[in-house]
Amino acid sequence: MTGIADIVLADLLEVFGERDPERRRAAVARLCAEDVEFADAEGTLTGRDALVAKAQQILDGAPGFVFTPEGDVRVVQDLGYLAWGFGPEGAPPVVRGADIVIVRDGLITSIHTLLDGAA
C-alpha cells in the first residue's frame, strides 16, 4: 500500500469487511497507527484492539452482509473519503455511509464514519 486511496479501500474491505479475525487483525496492524482513532455516532474509540473489536461487532450484527465501495476514493492531501453500501451479498445495500480517513506516514491515524441511513 502506498497511496491513500489504496489504504482507504483496504480499510473498508480488509478491516471492516473481513470476517476472519486473524486476517482482520493483520490488516489493522499493517494499515493503522497503534493509536488509531475511530469515531461514529456511537462514540470514539482509540487503538488497534478497539478498532478490531468494533469491526467484529459490526459484522456480528449483520451476518451475510458485505461492504461495497460506492464510487472511487477521493483524496485531498492526507484525507481520503469513500462512500460505501452495506447489505446482503449480491443485493442492494440496506444502509449507506462514508468513511473519512486521515493517513500520516502511510498509516491511518483516524477514521470518521458517517451513516446516510437506510438505502
Protein backbone atom coordinates (compact mmCIF):
# COMPACT_ATOMS: atom_id res chain seq x y z
CA MET A 1 0.00 0.00 0.00
CA THR A 2 1.48 3.26 -0.99
CA GLY A 3 -1.34 5.60 -1.91
CA ILE A 4 -4.01 6.98 0.38
CA ALA A 5 -6.74 5.70 -1.95
CA ASP A 6 -5.36 2.14 -1.65
CA ILE A 7 -5.16 2.42 2.13
CA VAL A 8 -8.73 3.72 2.48
CA LEU A 9 -10.11 0.98 0.23
CA ALA A 10 -8.16 -1.67 2.15
CA ASP A 11 -9.58 -0.33 5.41
CA LEU A 12 -13.12 -0.86 4.14
CA LEU A 13 -12.57 -4.30 2.65
CA GLU A 14 -9.79 -5.83 4.77
CA VAL A 15 -10.68 -4.38 8.17
CA PHE A 16 -14.42 -3.73 8.27
CA GLY A 17 -15.31 -6.24 5.58
CA GLU A 18 -13.06 -9.09 6.74
CA ARG A 19 -14.87 -11.80 8.69
CA ASP A 20 -11.73 -13.79 9.55
CA PRO A 21 -10.40 -12.32 12.84
CA GLU A 22 -6.75 -13.24 12.13
CA ARG A 23 -6.75 -11.59 8.70
CA ARG A 24 -8.57 -8.55 10.09
CA ARG A 25 -6.03 -8.15 12.90
CA ALA A 26 -3.15 -8.44 10.39
CA ALA A 27 -4.76 -5.79 8.18
CA VAL A 28 -5.18 -3.40 11.12
CA ALA A 29 -1.53 -3.90 12.09
CA ARG A 30 -0.45 -3.16 8.51
CA LEU A 31 -2.79 -0.21 7.84
CA CYS A 32 -3.30 1.61 11.14
CA ALA A 33 -1.21 3.54 13.64
CA GLU A 34 -1.15 1.98 17.12
CA ASP A 35 -3.23 4.88 18.48
CA VAL A 36 -5.70 4.99 15.58
CA GLU A 37 -8.96 6.72 16.46
CA PHE A 38 -12.38 5.66 15.19
CA ALA A 39 -15.44 7.87 15.56
CA ASP A 40 -19.06 7.26 14.66
CA ALA A 41 -22.47 8.15 16.07
CA GLU A 42 -21.90 5.75 18.98
CA GLY A 43 -18.72 7.49 20.15
CA THR A 44 -14.96 7.45 19.77
CA LEU A 45 -12.52 4.65 20.46
CA THR A 46 -8.74 4.52 20.37
CA GLY A 47 -6.25 1.81 19.47
CA ARG A 48 -5.87 -1.13 17.15
CA ASP A 49 -7.54 -3.62 19.51
CA ALA A 50 -10.58 -1.37 19.88
CA LEU A 51 -10.82 -1.00 16.10
CA VAL A 52 -10.64 -4.77 15.60
CA ALA A 53 -13.41 -5.23 18.19
CA LYS A 54 -15.59 -2.55 16.55
CA ALA A 55 -15.30 -4.22 13.15
CA GLN A 56 -16.19 -7.58 14.74
CA GLN A 57 -19.23 -6.03 16.45
CA ILE A 58 -20.48 -4.60 13.16
CA LEU A 59 -20.04 -7.87 11.28
CA ASP A 60 -21.54 -9.98 14.10
CA GLY A 61 -24.65 -7.79 13.95
CA ALA A 62 -25.13 -8.36 10.23
CA PRO A 63 -24.44 -11.98 9.18
CA GLY A 64 -24.10 -12.32 5.41
CA PHE A 65 -23.73 -8.58 4.86
CA VAL A 66 -20.81 -7.15 2.89
CA PHE A 67 -19.34 -3.68 2.44
CA THR A 68 -19.23 -2.43 -1.13
CA PRO A 69 -17.44 0.74 -2.25
CA GLU A 70 -19.75 3.21 -3.97
CA GLY A 71 -17.50 5.20 -6.24
CA ASP A 72 -13.83 5.95 -6.10
CA VAL A 73 -11.87 7.10 -3.09
CA ARG A 74 -11.47 10.88 -3.15
CA VAL A 75 -8.21 12.24 -1.78
CA VAL A 76 -7.01 15.68 -0.75
CA GLN A 77 -3.64 15.93 0.98
CA ASP A 78 -3.72 13.42 3.89
CA LEU A 79 -7.51 12.83 3.80
CA GLY A 80 -9.38 10.09 1.97
CA TYR A 81 -13.17 9.86 1.54
CA LEU A 82 -15.01 6.72 0.49
CA ALA A 83 -18.78 6.22 0.21
CA TRP A 84 -19.98 2.64 0.76
CA GLY A 85 -23.02 0.42 0.97
CA PHE A 86 -23.61 -2.41 3.46
CA GLY A 87 -26.09 -5.19 2.86
CA PRO A 88 -26.62 -8.81 1.86
CA GLU A 89 -24.12 -10.05 -0.70
CA GLY A 90 -25.50 -9.66 -4.22
CA ALA A 91 -28.40 -7.45 -3.10
CA PRO A 92 -28.82 -3.68 -2.83
CA PRO A 93 -27.36 -2.16 0.35
CA VAL A 94 -29.52 -1.85 3.43
CA VAL A 95 -27.51 1.11 4.70
CA ARG A 96 -25.14 3.58 3.10
CA GLY A 97 -22.41 5.66 4.63
CA ALA A 98 -18.98 7.11 4.13
CA ASP A 99 -15.60 6.96 5.79
CA ILE A 100 -13.35 9.98 6.16
CA VAL A 101 -9.83 8.76 6.86
CA ILE A 102 -6.65 10.63 7.78
CA VAL A 103 -3.39 8.94 6.74
CA ARG A 104 0.01 10.05 8.02
CA ASP A 105 3.32 8.39 7.20
CA GLY A 106 1.46 5.61 5.38
CA LEU A 107 -0.76 4.68 8.35
CA ILE A 108 -4.36 5.51 9.22
CA THR A 109 -4.49 7.81 12.24
CA SER A 110 -8.23 8.44 12.29
CA ILE A 111 -11.45 7.16 10.76
CA HIS A 112 -14.76 9.01 10.96
CA THR A 113 -17.80 7.09 9.77
CA LEU A 114 -20.95 8.89 8.71
CA LEU A 115 -24.16 6.94 8.14
CA ASP A 116 -26.60 8.05 5.48
CA GLY A 117 -29.24 5.75 6.93
CA ALA A 118 -31.37 3.18 5.18
CA ALA A 119 -30.69 2.82 1.49
